[in-house]
C-alpha atoms as a PDB file:
ATOM      1  CA  VAL A   1      -1.886 -20.716 -17.216  1.00  0.00           C
ATOM      2  CA  GLN A   2      -3.679 -23.068 -14.888  1.00  0.00           C
ATOM      3  CA  LEU A   3      -4.057 -26.811 -15.186  1.00  0.00           C
ATOM      4  CA  GLN A   4      -6.544 -28.571 -12.913  1.00  0.00           C
ATOM      5  CA  ALA A   5      -6.247 -32.358 -12.862  1.00  0.00           C
ATOM      6  CA  SER A   6      -8.961 -34.642 -11.413  1.00  0.00           C
ATOM      7  CA  GLY A   7     -10.234 -38.139 -11.496  1.00  0.00           C
ATOM      8  CA  GLY A   8      -7.648 -40.018  -9.551  1.00  0.00           C
ATOM      9  CA  GLY A   9      -8.534 -42.601  -6.844  1.00  0.00           C
ATOM     10  CA  LEU A  10      -8.052 -46.091  -5.610  1.00  0.00           C
ATOM     11  CA  VAL A  11      -8.780 -48.960  -7.961  1.00  0.00           C
ATOM     12  CA  GLN A  12      -8.100 -52.640  -8.006  1.00  0.00           C
ATOM     13  CA  ALA A  13      -5.615 -54.116 -10.458  1.00  0.00           C
ATOM     14  CA  GLY A  14      -7.323 -54.616 -13.743  1.00  0.00           C
ATOM     15  CA  GLY A  15      -9.649 -51.718 -13.233  1.00  0.00           C
ATOM     16  CA  SER A  16     -10.058 -48.428 -15.089  1.00  0.00           C
ATOM     17  CA  LEU A  17      -9.874 -44.747 -14.323  1.00  0.00           C
ATOM     18  CA  ARG A  18     -10.242 -41.668 -16.422  1.00  0.00           C
ATOM     19  CA  LEU A  19      -8.258 -38.589 -15.483  1.00  0.00           C
ATOM     20  CA  SER A  20      -9.163 -35.141 -16.650  1.00  0.00           C
ATOM     21  CA  CYS A  21      -7.145 -31.942 -16.861  1.00  0.00           C
ATOM     22  CA  ALA A  22      -8.956 -28.591 -17.466  1.00  0.00           C
ATOM     23  CA  ALA A  23      -6.693 -25.824 -18.759  1.00  0.00           C
ATOM     24  CA  SER A  24      -7.212 -22.062 -18.744  1.00  0.00           C
ATOM     25  CA  GLY A  25      -5.139 -19.142 -19.716  1.00  0.00           C
ATOM     26  CA  LEU A  26      -3.914 -20.464 -22.967  1.00  0.00           C
ATOM     27  CA  THR A  27      -5.102 -21.135 -26.598  1.00  0.00           C
ATOM     28  CA  PHE A  28      -5.776 -24.770 -25.802  1.00  0.00           C
ATOM     29  CA  SER A  29      -6.364 -25.850 -29.478  1.00  0.00           C
ATOM     30  CA  THR A  30      -2.863 -24.702 -30.478  1.00  0.00           C
ATOM     31  CA  VAL A  31      -0.723 -26.716 -28.011  1.00  0.00           C
ATOM     32  CA  ALA A  32       0.243 -30.267 -27.383  1.00  0.00           C
ATOM     33  CA  MET A  33      -1.030 -31.662 -24.063  1.00  0.00           C
ATOM     34  CA  ASN A  34       0.872 -34.169 -21.958  1.00  0.00           C
ATOM     35  CA  TRP A  35       0.518 -36.481 -19.028  1.00  0.00           C
ATOM     36  CA  PHE A  36       3.382 -37.386 -16.684  1.00  0.00           C
ATOM     37  CA  ARG A  37       3.501 -39.384 -13.460  1.00  0.00           C
ATOM     38  CA  ARG A  38       5.780 -39.747 -10.468  1.00  0.00           C
ATOM     39  CA  ALA A  39       5.652 -43.023  -8.652  1.00  0.00           C
ATOM     40  CA  PRO A  40       6.849 -43.236  -4.976  1.00  0.00           C
ATOM     41  CA  GLY A  41      10.653 -42.967  -4.760  1.00  0.00           C
ATOM     42  CA  LYS A  42      10.982 -42.504  -8.533  1.00  0.00           C
ATOM     43  CA  GLU A  43      11.629 -39.693 -10.948  1.00  0.00           C
ATOM     44  CA  ARG A  44       8.806 -38.101 -12.818  1.00  0.00           C
ATOM     45  CA  GLU A  45       8.265 -39.872 -16.113  1.00  0.00           C
ATOM     46  CA  PHE A  46       6.490 -39.292 -19.412  1.00  0.00           C
ATOM     47  CA  VAL A  47       3.145 -41.056 -19.898  1.00  0.00           C
ATOM     48  CA  ALA A  48       1.436 -39.703 -23.026  1.00  0.00           C
ATOM     49  CA  THR A  49       1.156 -36.760 -25.311  1.00  0.00           C
ATOM     50  CA  ARG A  50      -1.425 -35.578 -27.842  1.00  0.00           C
ATOM     51  CA  SER A  51      -0.549 -32.949 -30.355  1.00  0.00           C
ATOM     52  CA  LYS A  52      -2.826 -30.205 -31.589  1.00  0.00           C
ATOM     53  CA  GLY A  53      -3.321 -32.234 -34.725  1.00  0.00           C
ATOM     54  CA  GLY A  54      -4.109 -35.398 -32.877  1.00  0.00           C
ATOM     55  CA  THR A  55      -0.896 -37.241 -33.037  1.00  0.00           C
ATOM     56  CA  THR A  56      -0.333 -39.327 -29.931  1.00  0.00           C
ATOM     57  CA  TYR A  57       2.711 -40.900 -28.316  1.00  0.00           C
ATOM     58  CA  TYR A  58       2.818 -43.229 -25.255  1.00  0.00           C
ATOM     59  CA  ALA A  59       5.314 -44.619 -22.882  1.00  0.00           C
ATOM     60  CA  GLU A  60       5.997 -48.250 -23.656  1.00  0.00           C
ATOM     61  CA  SER A  61       4.815 -49.178 -20.191  1.00  0.00           C
ATOM     62  CA  VAL A  62       1.268 -47.872 -20.904  1.00  0.00           C
ATOM     63  CA  LYS A  63       0.912 -48.472 -24.633  1.00  0.00           C
ATOM     64  CA  GLY A  64      -2.193 -50.418 -25.419  1.00  0.00           C
ATOM     65  CA  ARG A  65      -3.689 -49.676 -21.979  1.00  0.00           C
ATOM     66  CA  PHE A  66      -3.878 -45.896 -21.775  1.00  0.00           C
ATOM     67  CA  ASN A  67      -5.527 -43.493 -24.261  1.00  0.00           C
ATOM     68  CA  ILE A  68      -4.998 -39.770 -24.309  1.00  0.00           C
ATOM     69  CA  SER A  69      -7.758 -37.636 -25.816  1.00  0.00           C
ATOM     70  CA  ARG A  70      -8.786 -33.933 -25.758  1.00  0.00           C
ATOM     71  CA  ASP A  71     -11.826 -31.830 -26.123  1.00  0.00           C
ATOM     72  CA  ASN A  72     -10.877 -28.507 -27.501  1.00  0.00           C
ATOM     73  CA  ALA A  73     -14.370 -27.016 -26.873  1.00  0.00           C
ATOM     74  CA  LYS A  74     -13.914 -27.788 -23.210  1.00  0.00           C
ATOM     75  CA  ASN A  75     -10.208 -27.032 -22.912  1.00  0.00           C
ATOM     76  CA  THR A  76      -9.753 -30.411 -21.460  1.00  0.00           C
ATOM     77  CA  VAL A  77      -7.343 -33.359 -21.969  1.00  0.00           C
ATOM     78  CA  TYR A  78      -8.264 -36.809 -20.733  1.00  0.00           C
ATOM     79  CA  LEU A  79      -6.302 -39.897 -19.919  1.00  0.00           C
ATOM     80  CA  GLN A  80      -8.295 -43.085 -20.041  1.00  0.00           C
ATOM     81  CA  MET A  81      -6.454 -45.766 -18.082  1.00  0.00           C
ATOM     82  CA  ASN A  82      -7.533 -49.424 -18.543  1.00  0.00           C
ATOM     83  CA  ASN A  83      -6.113 -52.686 -17.197  1.00  0.00           C
ATOM     84  CA  LEU A  84      -4.350 -50.789 -14.455  1.00  0.00           C
ATOM     85  CA  LYS A  85      -1.457 -52.443 -12.678  1.00  0.00           C
ATOM     86  CA  PRO A  86       0.090 -51.777  -9.233  1.00  0.00           C
ATOM     87  CA  GLU A  87       3.083 -50.286 -10.980  1.00  0.00           C
ATOM     88  CA  ASP A  88       0.809 -47.547 -12.320  1.00  0.00           C
ATOM     89  CA  THR A  89       0.454 -46.184  -8.823  1.00  0.00           C
ATOM     90  CA  ALA A  90       1.746 -42.644  -8.954  1.00  0.00           C
ATOM     91  CA  VAL A  91       0.772 -38.985  -8.912  1.00  0.00           C
ATOM     92  CA  TYR A  92      -0.302 -38.063 -12.327  1.00  0.00           C
ATOM     93  CA  TYR A  93       0.311 -34.566 -13.755  1.00  0.00           C
ATOM     94  CA  CYS A  94      -0.864 -32.844 -16.842  1.00  0.00           C
ATOM     95  CA  ALA A  95       1.480 -30.486 -18.500  1.00  0.00           C
ATOM     96  CA  VAL A  96       1.776 -27.967 -21.391  1.00  0.00           C
ATOM     97  CA  GLU A  97       4.899 -26.299 -22.449  1.00  0.00           C
ATOM     98  CA  HIS A  98       6.627 -25.466 -18.996  1.00  0.00           C
ATOM     99  CA  TYR A  99       3.384 -25.388 -17.090  1.00  0.00           C
ATOM    100  CA  TRP A 100       2.398 -28.163 -14.709  1.00  0.00           C
ATOM    101  CA  GLY A 101      -0.854 -29.020 -12.896  1.00  0.00           C
ATOM    102  CA  GLN A 102      -1.042 -30.000  -9.257  1.00  0.00           C
ATOM    103  CA  GLY A 103      -1.371 -33.633  -9.847  1.00  0.00           C
ATOM    104  CA  THR A 104      -3.917 -36.307  -8.937  1.00  0.00           C
ATOM    105  CA  GLN A 105      -3.215 -39.528  -7.041  1.00  0.00           C
ATOM    106  CA  VAL A 106      -3.802 -42.904  -8.625  1.00  0.00           C
ATOM    107  CA  THR A 107      -3.374 -45.916  -6.505  1.00  0.00           C
ATOM    108  CA  VAL A 108      -3.817 -49.430  -7.854  1.00  0.00           C
ATOM    109  CA  SER A 109      -4.121 -52.171  -5.351  1.00  0.00           C
ATOM    110  CA  SER A 110      -3.104 -55.780  -6.139  1.00  0.00           C
END
C-alpha cells in the first residue's frame, strides 16, 4: 500500500488549502480513509475520517472548517481546509488501516 499526500504549503490565517492523498495497492472503495496531523513538539492527532459509506467524523478543533471527501474513481481522499489558523500548522498525514503516507507540511502564518 502506498499513500502519496500533496497540497501543503504556506498560507495566511483565514486562508484555505486542499490536501490530496492518492492511494494505491488497496481496494480503495472498501476502506475508511483518515487524516492525522503532527504539530511541532506535539503528538500526532486525529483530524478527520471518511468511511467507505460516506460517514465522516472530525476533531473538535477542525469541525466546521475542514471537510474530508473522497473520489473512489481516482483512489484519492481530500481534505479541504478553510479559515485556517496558526494552530493548524502541522505535518498532515493520510492513513488507512496501519498504513501511513509521508506527510505534507501546512504552515499558517498569523
